[in-house]
Amino acid sequence: MKVKLSFPKTTLFKSHTSYSPEQILASGGATAFGRKTGKSNETLIDSLKNAEPAEPFTAEEWEKLMTQLDATK
C-alpha cells in the first residue's frame, strides 16, 4: 500500500516541512517514512560530521553561568 504524503499549508518551521505522527505511522513507521522522504541514517551522520562546530555559549556567557553556579551551590 503506497501512502501519499500531504504537506500542511502552515508549519512551525519556515525552512522545514513538519509531519504529524499519523502521517509517519501511515507511511510504515519512522524508518519507512525516512526512506520515502529521501532521508537515511547515513545522510544524517554525514550532515553532522560536515557541520560546523557549534558553541552554545560565548566565553562571556560561560563566565556568567559559572559565577551563577558557584553562587547557588
C-alpha atoms as a PDB file:
ATOM      1  CA  MET A   1       0.000   0.000   0.000  1.00  0.00           C
ATOM      2  CA  LYS A   2       1.511   3.313  -1.047  1.00  0.00           C
ATOM      3  CA  VAL A   3       0.673   6.256   1.165  1.00  0.00           C
ATOM      4  CA  LYS A   4       0.622   9.737  -0.312  1.00  0.00           C
ATOM      5  CA  LEU A   5       2.311  12.246   1.947  1.00  0.00           C
ATOM      6  CA  SER A   6       0.461  15.532   2.205  1.00  0.00           C
ATOM      7  CA  PHE A   7       2.131  18.786   3.101  1.00  0.00           C
ATOM      8  CA  PRO A   8       0.395  21.126   5.537  1.00  0.00           C
ATOM      9  CA  LYS A   9      -0.015  24.730   4.447  1.00  0.00           C
ATOM     10  CA  THR A  10       1.317  26.069   7.726  1.00  0.00           C
ATOM     11  CA  THR A  11       4.213  24.657   9.693  1.00  0.00           C
ATOM     12  CA  LEU A  12       6.126  25.542  12.835  1.00  0.00           C
ATOM     13  CA  PHE A  13       9.358  25.812  10.876  1.00  0.00           C
ATOM     14  CA  LYS A  14       9.605  28.044   7.827  1.00  0.00           C
ATOM     15  CA  SER A  15      12.562  26.160   6.345  1.00  0.00           C
ATOM     16  CA  HIS A  16      11.414  22.611   7.181  1.00  0.00           C
ATOM     17  CA  THR A  17       8.223  20.749   6.466  1.00  0.00           C
ATOM     18  CA  SER A  18       6.697  19.140   9.526  1.00  0.00           C
ATOM     19  CA  TYR A  19       4.646  15.944   9.604  1.00  0.00           C
ATOM     20  CA  SER A  20       2.118  14.609  12.070  1.00  0.00           C
ATOM     21  CA  PRO A  21       2.669  11.327  13.927  1.00  0.00           C
ATOM     22  CA  GLU A  22      -0.286   9.932  11.957  1.00  0.00           C
ATOM     23  CA  GLN A  23       1.480  10.662   8.652  1.00  0.00           C
ATOM     24  CA  ILE A  24       4.659   8.968   9.864  1.00  0.00           C
ATOM     25  CA  LEU A  25       2.781   5.896  11.105  1.00  0.00           C
ATOM     26  CA  ALA A  26       0.677   5.712   7.925  1.00  0.00           C
ATOM     27  CA  SER A  27       3.842   5.546   5.839  1.00  0.00           C
ATOM     28  CA  GLY A  28       5.011   2.459   7.749  1.00  0.00           C
ATOM     29  CA  GLY A  29       6.902   3.919  10.698  1.00  0.00           C
ATOM     30  CA  ALA A  30       9.919   6.132  11.167  1.00  0.00           C
ATOM     31  CA  THR A  31      12.352   4.140   9.017  1.00  0.00           C
ATOM     32  CA  ALA A  32       9.918   3.761   6.119  1.00  0.00           C
ATOM     33  CA  PHE A  33       8.973   7.425   6.400  1.00  0.00           C
ATOM     34  CA  GLY A  34      12.625   8.424   6.219  1.00  0.00           C
ATOM     35  CA  ARG A  35      13.180   6.319   3.111  1.00  0.00           C
ATOM     36  CA  LYS A  36      10.090   7.763   1.405  1.00  0.00           C
ATOM     37  CA  THR A  37      11.232  11.320   2.111  1.00  0.00           C
ATOM     38  CA  GLY A  38      14.798  10.679   0.969  1.00  0.00           C
ATOM     39  CA  LYS A  39      16.397  10.659   4.409  1.00  0.00           C
ATOM     40  CA  SER A  40      18.559   7.974   5.994  1.00  0.00           C
ATOM     41  CA  ASN A  41      20.838   7.452   8.959  1.00  0.00           C
ATOM     42  CA  GLU A  42      23.818   7.752   6.633  1.00  0.00           C
ATOM     43  CA  THR A  43      22.803  11.201   5.347  1.00  0.00           C
ATOM     44  CA  LEU A  44      22.161  12.365   8.909  1.00  0.00           C
ATOM     45  CA  ILE A  45      25.562  11.135  10.081  1.00  0.00           C
ATOM     46  CA  ASP A  46      27.284  12.750   7.074  1.00  0.00           C
ATOM     47  CA  SER A  47      25.486  16.046   7.722  1.00  0.00           C
ATOM     48  CA  LEU A  48      26.510  16.029  11.378  1.00  0.00           C
ATOM     49  CA  LYS A  49      30.130  15.221  10.523  1.00  0.00           C
ATOM     50  CA  ASN A  50      30.269  18.041   7.944  1.00  0.00           C
ATOM     51  CA  ALA A  51      28.520  20.628  10.119  1.00  0.00           C
ATOM     52  CA  GLU A  52      30.455  23.481  11.629  1.00  0.00           C
ATOM     53  CA  PRO A  53      31.176  23.056  15.339  1.00  0.00           C
ATOM     54  CA  ALA A  54      28.546  24.816  17.398  1.00  0.00           C
ATOM     55  CA  GLU A  55      29.376  26.515  20.676  1.00  0.00           C
ATOM     56  CA  PRO A  56      26.185  27.063  22.680  1.00  0.00           C
ATOM     57  CA  PHE A  57      27.581  29.963  24.729  1.00  0.00           C
ATOM     58  CA  THR A  58      30.109  32.720  24.254  1.00  0.00           C
ATOM     59  CA  ALA A  59      33.069  32.977  26.660  1.00  0.00           C
ATOM     60  CA  GLU A  60      31.306  35.835  28.463  1.00  0.00           C
ATOM     61  CA  GLU A  61      28.106  33.779  28.841  1.00  0.00           C
ATOM     62  CA  TRP A  62      30.105  30.822  30.205  1.00  0.00           C
ATOM     63  CA  GLU A  63      31.742  33.096  32.776  1.00  0.00           C
ATOM     64  CA  LYS A  64      28.364  34.427  33.913  1.00  0.00           C
ATOM     65  CA  LEU A  65      26.943  30.908  34.107  1.00  0.00           C
ATOM     66  CA  MET A  66      29.862  29.607  36.151  1.00  0.00           C
ATOM     67  CA  THR A  67      29.622  32.580  38.501  1.00  0.00           C
ATOM     68  CA  GLN A  68      25.907  31.962  38.951  1.00  0.00           C
ATOM     69  CA  LEU A  69      26.541  28.248  39.526  1.00  0.00           C
ATOM     70  CA  ASP A  70      29.177  28.969  42.173  1.00  0.00           C
ATOM     71  CA  ALA A  71      26.838  31.430  43.892  1.00  0.00           C
ATOM     72  CA  THR A  72      23.985  28.925  44.105  1.00  0.00           C
ATOM     73  CA  LYS A  73      25.963  25.948  45.444  1.00  0.00           C
END
